[in-house]
Amino acid sequence: MVREVHKDEFGVIRIGRNISEFTWDGTDMYGDRLANGLYLYRVITKINSSDIEHRDTEADSYFKKGFGKMYLMR
């Protein structure tokens, strides 16, 4: 795992659509810059330690078996 992002990094979250100003600076959990390349990511959402039911959207086409891909290039 490179880095885990927690909800407090997204700011206030309310019921409904939430748009955050969160950006990732390309560093790992120790603050070291990652090398250019392909990285896999996964989004896990929970409330009180229970998984939230996933609703299908058009964005699902960007994920394969629950993982998305991101290319880091500086």
PDB file of N, CA and C in Angstrom:
ATOM      1  N   MET A   1       0.851  -1.175   0.000  1.00  0.00           N
ATOM      2  CA  MET A   1       0.000   0.000   0.000  1.00  0.00           C
ATOM      3  C   MET A   1       0.895   1.236   0.000  1.00  0.00           C
ATOM      4  N   VAL A   2       0.549   2.178  -0.839  1.00  0.00           N
ATOM      5  CA  VAL A   2       1.297   3.428  -0.927  1.00  0.00           C
ATOM      6  C   VAL A   2       0.797   4.416   0.112  1.00  0.00           C
ATOM      7  N   ARG A   3      -0.503   4.631   0.150  1.00  0.00           N
ATOM      8  CA  ARG A   3      -1.074   5.609   1.088  1.00  0.00           C
ATOM      9  C   ARG A   3      -2.556   5.346   1.255  1.00  0.00           C
ATOM     10  N   GLU A   4      -3.029   5.511   2.481  1.00  0.00           N
ATOM     11  CA  GLU A   4      -4.450   5.389   2.773  1.00  0.00           C
ATOM     12  C   GLU A   4      -4.995   6.783   3.046  1.00  0.00           C
ATOM     13  N   VAL A   5      -6.121   7.110   2.431  1.00  0.00           N
ATOM     14  CA  VAL A   5      -6.740   8.425   2.600  1.00  0.00           C
ATOM     15  C   VAL A   5      -7.960   8.258   3.487  1.00  0.00           C
ATOM     16  N   HIS A   6      -8.075   9.101   4.504  1.00  0.00           N
ATOM     17  CA  HIS A   6      -9.197   9.028   5.447  1.00  0.00           C
ATOM     18  C   HIS A   6     -10.175  10.167   5.200  1.00  0.00           C
ATOM     19  N   LYS A   7     -11.395   9.994   5.679  1.00  0.00           N
ATOM     20  CA  LYS A   7     -12.462  10.963   5.389  1.00  0.00           C
ATOM     21  C   LYS A   7     -12.163  12.372   5.885  1.00  0.00           C
ATOM     22  N   ASP A   8     -11.391  12.524   6.957  1.00  0.00           N
ATOM     23  CA  ASP A   8     -11.110  13.871   7.460  1.00  0.00           C
ATOM     24  C   ASP A   8     -10.256  14.679   6.475  1.00  0.00           C
ATOM     25  N   GLU A   9      -9.601  14.022   5.528  1.00  0.00           N
ATOM     26  CA  GLU A   9      -8.813  14.724   4.514  1.00  0.00           C
ATOM     27  C   GLU A   9      -9.697  15.315   3.415  1.00  0.00           C
ATOM     28  N   PHE A  10     -10.957  14.906   3.357  1.00  0.00           N
ATOM     29  CA  PHE A  10     -11.877  15.391   2.335  1.00  0.00           C
ATOM     30  C   PHE A  10     -12.678  16.604   2.787  1.00  0.00           C
ATOM     31  N   GLY A  11     -12.602  16.958   4.051  1.00  0.00           N
ATOM     32  CA  GLY A  11     -13.400  18.066   4.559  1.00  0.00           C
ATOM     33  C   GLY A  11     -14.764  17.579   5.013  1.00  0.00           C
ATOM     34  N   VAL A  12     -15.701  18.498   5.134  1.00  0.00           N
ATOM     35  CA  VAL A  12     -17.045  18.173   5.614  1.00  0.00           C
ATOM     36  C   VAL A  12     -17.768  17.307   4.582  1.00  0.00           C
ATOM     37  N   ILE A  13     -18.353  16.200   5.050  1.00  0.00           N
ATOM     38  CA  ILE A  13     -19.116  15.302   4.183  1.00  0.00           C
ATOM     39  C   ILE A  13     -20.538  15.231   4.719  1.00  0.00           C
ATOM     40  N   ARG A  14     -21.498  15.486   3.827  1.00  0.00           N
ATOM     41  CA  ARG A  14     -22.911  15.473   4.211  1.00  0.00           C
ATOM     42  C   ARG A  14     -23.667  14.507   3.304  1.00  0.00           C
ATOM     43  N   ILE A  15     -24.918  14.271   3.627  1.00  0.00           N
ATOM     44  CA  ILE A  15     -25.771  13.453   2.771  1.00  0.00           C
ATOM     45  C   ILE A  15     -25.902  14.148   1.421  1.00  0.00           C
ATOM     46  N   GLY A  16     -25.837  13.375   0.353  1.00  0.00           N
ATOM     47  CA  GLY A  16     -25.953  13.935  -0.991  1.00  0.00           C
ATOM     48  C   GLY A  16     -24.624  13.922  -1.714  1.00  0.00           C
ATOM     49  N   ARG A  17     -24.524  14.751  -2.717  1.00  0.00           N
ATOM     50  CA  ARG A  17     -23.315  14.807  -3.539  1.00  0.00           C
ATOM     51  C   ARG A  17     -22.244  15.618  -2.825  1.00  0.00           C
ATOM     52  N   ASN A  18     -21.051  15.060  -2.734  1.00  0.00           N
ATOM     53  CA  ASN A  18     -19.934  15.743  -2.081  1.00  0.00           C
ATOM     54  C   ASN A  18     -18.793  15.912  -3.074  1.00  0.00           C
ATOM     55  N   ILE A  19     -18.360  17.142  -3.247  1.00  0.00           N
ATOM     56  CA  ILE A  19     -17.222  17.438  -4.109  1.00  0.00           C
ATOM     57  C   ILE A  19     -16.137  18.012  -3.216  1.00  0.00           C
ATOM     58  N   SER A  20     -14.971  17.393  -3.248  1.00  0.00           N
ATOM     59  CA  SER A  20     -13.884  17.766  -2.352  1.00  0.00           C
ATOM     60  C   SER A  20     -12.770  18.487  -3.107  1.00  0.00           C
ATOM     61  N   GLU A  21     -12.018  19.285  -2.394  1.00  0.00           N
ATOM     62  CA  GLU A  21     -10.839  19.948  -2.943  1.00  0.00           C
ATOM     63  C   GLU A  21      -9.592  19.092  -2.731  1.00  0.00           C
ATOM     64  N   PHE A  22      -9.765  17.856  -2.235  1.00  0.00           N
ATOM     65  CA  PHE A  22      -8.631  16.976  -1.944  1.00  0.00           C
ATOM     66  C   PHE A  22      -7.815  16.700  -3.204  1.00  0.00           C
ATOM     67  N   THR A  23      -6.510  16.808  -3.086  1.00  0.00           N
ATOM     68  CA  THR A  23      -5.597  16.400  -4.155  1.00  0.00           C
ATOM     69  C   THR A  23      -4.478  15.578  -3.539  1.00  0.00           C
ATOM     70  N   TRP A  24      -3.972  14.647  -4.294  1.00  0.00           N
ATOM     71  CA  TRP A  24      -2.871  13.803  -3.832  1.00  0.00           C
ATOM     72  C   TRP A  24      -1.589  14.333  -4.450  1.00  0.00           C
ATOM     73  N   ASP A  25      -0.554  14.488  -3.656  1.00  0.00           N
ATOM     74  CA  ASP A  25       0.698  15.078  -4.124  1.00  0.00           C
ATOM     75  C   ASP A  25       1.702  14.064  -4.673  1.00  0.00           C
ATOM     76  N   GLY A  26       1.303  12.817  -4.838  1.00  0.00           N
ATOM     77  CA  GLY A  26       2.191  11.815  -5.418  1.00  0.00           C
ATOM     78  C   GLY A  26       3.233  11.281  -4.458  1.00  0.00           C
ATOM     79  N   THR A  27       2.937  11.352  -3.155  1.00  0.00           N
ATOM     80  CA  THR A  27       3.878  10.834  -2.158  1.00  0.00           C
ATOM     81  C   THR A  27       3.280   9.627  -1.452  1.00  0.00           C
ATOM     82  N   ASP A  28       4.161   8.843  -0.833  1.00  0.00           N
ATOM     83  CA  ASP A  28       3.689   7.676  -0.088  1.00  0.00           C
ATOM     84  C   ASP A  28       3.368   8.067   1.347  1.00  0.00           C
ATOM     85  N   MET A  29       3.079   7.076   2.186  1.00  0.00           N
ATOM     86  CA  MET A  29       2.680   7.352   3.570  1.00  0.00           C
ATOM     87  C   MET A  29       3.798   7.965   4.410  1.00  0.00           C
ATOM     88  N   TYR A  30       5.036   7.940   3.900  1.00  0.00           N
ATOM     89  CA  TYR A  30       6.167   8.533   4.619  1.00  0.00           C
ATOM     90  C   TYR A  30       6.552   9.895   4.056  1.00  0.00           C
ATOM     91  N   GLY A  31       5.822  10.344   3.039  1.00  0.00           N
ATOM     92  CA  GLY A  31       6.101  11.637   2.431  1.00  0.00           C
ATOM     93  C   GLY A  31       7.120  11.582   1.305  1.00  0.00           C
ATOM     94  N   ASP A  32       7.573  10.375   0.932  1.00  0.00           N
ATOM     95  CA  ASP A  32       8.537  10.225  -0.154  1.00  0.00           C
ATOM     96  C   ASP A  32       7.817  10.251  -1.502  1.00  0.00           C
ATOM     97  N   ARG A  33       8.423  10.920  -2.488  1.00  0.00           N
ATOM     98  CA  ARG A  33       7.835  10.990  -3.831  1.00  0.00           C
ATOM     99  C   ARG A  33       7.897   9.629  -4.507  1.00  0.00           C
ATOM    100  N   LEU A  34       6.809   9.261  -5.159  1.00  0.00           N
ATOM    101  CA  LEU A  34       6.765   7.997  -5.887  1.00  0.00           C
ATOM    102  C   LEU A  34       7.364   8.160  -7.274  1.00  0.00           C
ATOM    103  N   ALA A  35       7.857   7.060  -7.815  1.00  0.00           N
ATOM    104  CA  ALA A  35       8.409   7.059  -9.165  1.00  0.00           C
ATOM    105  C   ALA A  35       7.280   7.173 -10.186  1.00  0.00           C
ATOM    106  N   ASN A  36       7.617   7.692 -11.368  1.00  0.00           N
ATOM    107  CA  ASN A  36       6.648   7.692 -12.464  1.00  0.00           C
ATOM    108  C   ASN A  36       6.246   6.260 -12.749  1.00  0.00           C
ATOM    109  N   GLY A  37       5.005   6.059 -13.112  1.00  0.00           N
ATOM    110  CA  GLY A  37       4.570   4.717 -13.463  1.00  0.00           C
ATOM    111  C   GLY A  37       3.090   4.514 -13.234  1.00  0.00           C
ATOM    112  N   LEU A  38       2.666   3.287 -13.449  1.00  0.00           N
ATOM    113  CA  LEU A  38       1.275   2.899 -13.310  1.00  0.00           C
ATOM    114  C   LEU A  38       1.005   2.430 -11.885  1.00  0.00           C
ATOM    115  N   TYR A  39      -0.053   2.949 -11.281  1.00  0.00           N
ATOM    116  CA  TYR A  39      -0.443   2.572  -9.921  1.00  0.00           C
ATOM    117  C   TYR A  39      -1.900   2.130  -9.932  1.00  0.00           C
ATOM    118  N   LEU A  40      -2.202   1.106  -9.169  1.00  0.00           N
ATOM    119  CA  LEU A  40      -3.573   0.634  -9.003  1.00  0.00           C
ATOM    120  C   LEU A  40      -4.150   1.243  -7.739  1.00  0.00           C
ATOM    121  N   TYR A  41      -5.435   1.540  -7.755  1.00  0.00           N
ATOM    122  CA  TYR A  41      -6.083   2.065  -6.553  1.00  0.00           C
ATOM    123  C   TYR A  41      -7.440   1.411  -6.374  1.00  0.00           C
ATOM    124  N   ARG A  42      -7.904   1.463  -5.135  1.00  0.00           N
ATOM    125  CA  ARG A  42      -9.206   0.891  -4.795  1.00  0.00           C
ATOM    126  C   ARG A  42      -9.906   1.852  -3.852  1.00  0.00           C
ATOM    127  N   VAL A  43     -11.200   2.034  -4.048  1.00  0.00           N
ATOM    128  CA  VAL A  43     -12.010   2.893  -3.186  1.00  0.00           C
ATOM    129  C   VAL A  43     -12.860   2.002  -2.296  1.00  0.00           C
ATOM    130  N   ILE A  44     -12.736   2.194  -0.990  1.00  0.00           N
ATOM    131  CA  ILE A  44     -13.533   1.443  -0.019  1.00  0.00           C
ATOM    132  C   ILE A  44     -14.317   2.457   0.801  1.00  0.00           C
ATOM    133  N   THR A  45     -15.626   2.303   0.857  1.00  0.00           N
ATOM    134  CA  THR A  45     -16.463   3.210   1.640  1.00  0.00           C
ATOM    135  C   THR A  45     -17.169   2.426   2.731  1.00  0.00           C
ATOM    136  N   LYS A  46     -17.144   2.999   3.935  1.00  0.00           N
ATOM    137  CA  LYS A  46     -17.769   2.342   5.089  1.00  0.00           C
ATOM    138  C   LYS A  46     -18.452   3.376   5.972  1.00  0.00           C
ATOM    139  N   ILE A  47     -19.463   2.926   6.690  1.00  0.00           N
ATOM    140  CA  ILE A  47     -20.103   3.714   7.743  1.00  0.00           C
ATOM    141  C   ILE A  47     -20.115   2.840   8.980  1.00  0.00           C
ATOM    142  N   ASN A  48     -19.555   3.342  10.061  1.00  0.00           N
ATOM    143  CA  ASN A  48     -19.485   2.583  11.317  1.00  0.00           C
ATOM    144  C   ASN A  48     -18.944   1.171  11.093  1.00  0.00           C
ATOM    145  N   SER A  49     -17.870   1.064  10.343  1.00  0.00           N
ATOM    146  CA  SER A  49     -17.173  -0.199  10.044  1.00  0.00           C
ATOM    147  C   SER A  49     -17.970  -1.158   9.166  1.00  0.00           C
ATOM    148  N   SER A  50     -19.100  -0.720   8.608  1.00  0.00           N
ATOM    149  CA  SER A  50     -19.898  -1.563   7.713  1.00  0.00           C
ATOM    150  C   SER A  50     -19.769  -1.049   6.285  1.00  0.00           C
ATOM    151  N   ASP A  51     -19.604  -1.971   5.333  1.00  0.00           N
ATOM    152  CA  ASP A  51     -19.502  -1.578   3.930  1.00  0.00           C
ATOM    153  C   ASP A  51     -20.786  -0.905   3.466  1.00  0.00           C
ATOM    154  N   ILE A  52     -20.642   0.076   2.579  1.00  0.00           N
ATOM    155  CA  ILE A  52     -21.781   0.757   1.981  1.00  0.00           C
ATOM    156  C   ILE A  52     -22.100   0.058   0.665  1.00  0.00           C
ATOM    157  N   GLU A  53     -23.378  -0.148   0.393  1.00  0.00           N
ATOM    158  CA  GLU A  53     -23.801  -0.804  -0.846  1.00  0.00           C
ATOM    159  C   GLU A  53     -23.358   0.022  -2.050  1.00  0.00           C
ATOM    160  N   HIS A  54     -22.748  -0.638  -3.023  1.00  0.00           N
ATOM    161  CA  HIS A  54     -22.283   0.033  -4.239  1.00  0.00           C
ATOM    162  C   HIS A  54     -23.440   0.200  -5.224  1.00  0.00           C
ATOM    163  N   ARG A  55     -23.557   1.389  -5.774  1.00  0.00           N
ATOM    164  CA  ARG A  55     -24.559   1.657  -6.810  1.00  0.00           C
ATOM    165  C   ARG A  55     -23.833   1.794  -8.145  1.00  0.00           C
ATOM    166  N   ASP A  56     -24.305   1.084  -9.149  1.00  0.00           N
ATOM    167  CA  ASP A  56     -23.668   1.118 -10.463  1.00  0.00           C
ATOM    168  C   ASP A  56     -23.788   2.499 -11.092  1.00  0.00           C
ATOM    169  N   THR A  57     -22.678   2.966 -11.691  1.00  0.00           N
ATOM    170  CA  THR A  57     -22.655   4.237 -12.413  1.00  0.00           C
ATOM    171  C   THR A  57     -21.827   4.061 -13.681  1.00  0.00           C
ATOM    172  N   GLU A  58     -21.806   5.091 -14.525  1.00  0.00           N
ATOM    173  CA  GLU A  58     -20.990   5.051 -15.739  1.00  0.00           C
ATOM    174  C   GLU A  58     -19.504   4.973 -15.412  1.00  0.00           C
ATOM    175  N   ALA A  59     -19.101   5.452 -14.250  1.00  0.00           N
ATOM    176  CA  ALA A  59     -17.688   5.427 -13.852  1.00  0.00           C
ATOM    177  C   ALA A  59     -17.176   4.014 -13.605  1.00  0.00           C
ATOM    178  N   ASP A  60     -18.070   3.049 -13.445  1.00  0.00           N
ATOM    179  CA  ASP A  60     -17.650   1.663 -13.193  1.00  0.00           C
ATOM    180  C   ASP A  60     -16.797   1.099 -14.323  1.00  0.00           C
ATOM    181  N   SER A  61     -16.927   1.634 -15.520  1.00  0.00           N
ATOM    182  CA  SER A  61     -16.139   1.123 -16.647  1.00  0.00           C
ATOM    183  C   SER A  61     -14.646   1.397 -16.472  1.00  0.00           C
ATOM    184  N   TYR A  62     -14.288   2.298 -15.562  1.00  0.00           N
ATOM    185  CA  TYR A  62     -12.885   2.605 -15.300  1.00  0.00           C
ATOM    186  C   TYR A  62     -12.261   1.654 -14.282  1.00  0.00           C
ATOM    187  N   PHE A  63     -13.057   0.772 -13.713  1.00  0.00           N
ATOM    188  CA  PHE A  63     -12.582  -0.166 -12.699  1.00  0.00           C
ATOM    189  C   PHE A  63     -12.689  -1.595 -13.211  1.00  0.00           C
ATOM    190  N   LYS A  64     -11.702  -2.423 -12.888  1.00  0.00           N
ATOM    191  CA  LYS A  64     -11.729  -3.850 -13.198  1.00  0.00           C
ATOM    192  C   LYS A  64     -11.520  -4.608 -11.896  1.00  0.00           C
ATOM    193  N   LYS A  65     -12.501  -5.435 -11.544  1.00  0.00           N
ATOM    194  CA  LYS A  65     -12.460  -6.224 -10.306  1.00  0.00           C
ATOM    195  C   LYS A  65     -12.220  -5.334  -9.080  1.00  0.00           C
ATOM    196  N   GLY A  66     -12.821  -4.131  -9.099  1.00  0.00           N
ATOM    197  CA  GLY A  66     -12.748  -3.234  -7.954  1.00  0.00           C
ATOM    198  C   GLY A  66     -11.534  -2.323  -7.918  1.00  0.00           C
ATOM    199  N   PHE A  67     -10.651  -2.407  -8.904  1.00  0.00           N
ATOM    200  CA  PHE A  67      -9.445  -1.582  -8.926  1.00  0.00           C
ATOM    201  C   PHE A  67      -9.453  -0.643 -10.127  1.00  0.00           C
ATOM    202  N   GLY A  68      -8.950   0.574  -9.895  1.00  0.00           N
ATOM    203  CA  GLY A  68      -8.757   1.542 -10.963  1.00  0.00           C
ATOM    204  C   GLY A  68      -7.269   1.691 -11.234  1.00  0.00           C
ATOM    205  N   LYS A  69      -6.930   2.295 -12.372  1.00  0.00           N
ATOM    206  CA  LYS A  69      -5.527   2.514 -12.725  1.00  0.00           C
ATOM    207  C   LYS A  69      -5.267   4.011 -12.844  1.00  0.00           C
ATOM    208  N   MET A  70      -4.068   4.403 -12.431  1.00  0.00           N
ATOM    209  CA  MET A  70      -3.662   5.795 -12.521  1.00  0.00           C
ATOM    210  C   MET A  70      -2.202   5.818 -12.953  1.00  0.00           C
ATOM    211  N   TYR A  71      -1.869   6.687 -13.885  1.00  0.00           N
ATOM    212  CA  TYR A  71      -0.479   6.817 -14.309  1.00  0.00           C
ATOM    213  C   TYR A  71       0.078   8.100 -13.727  1.00  0.00           C
ATOM    214  N   LEU A  72       1.164   7.986 -12.969  1.00  0.00           N
ATOM    215  CA  LEU A  72       1.820   9.142 -12.359  1.00  0.00           C
ATOM    216  C   LEU A  72       2.981   9.548 -13.255  1.00  0.00           C
ATOM    217  N   MET A  73       2.918  10.782 -13.765  1.00  0.00           N
ATOM    218  CA  MET A  73       3.973  11.280 -14.634  1.00  0.00           C
ATOM    219  C   MET A  73       4.259  12.729 -14.255  1.00  0.00           C
ATOM    220  N   ARG A  74       5.495  13.017 -13.997  1.00  0.00           N
ATOM    221  CA  ARG A  74       5.881  14.382 -13.608  1.00  0.00           C
ATOM    222  C   ARG A  74       6.583  15.080 -14.736  1.00  0.00           C
TER     223      ARG A  74
END
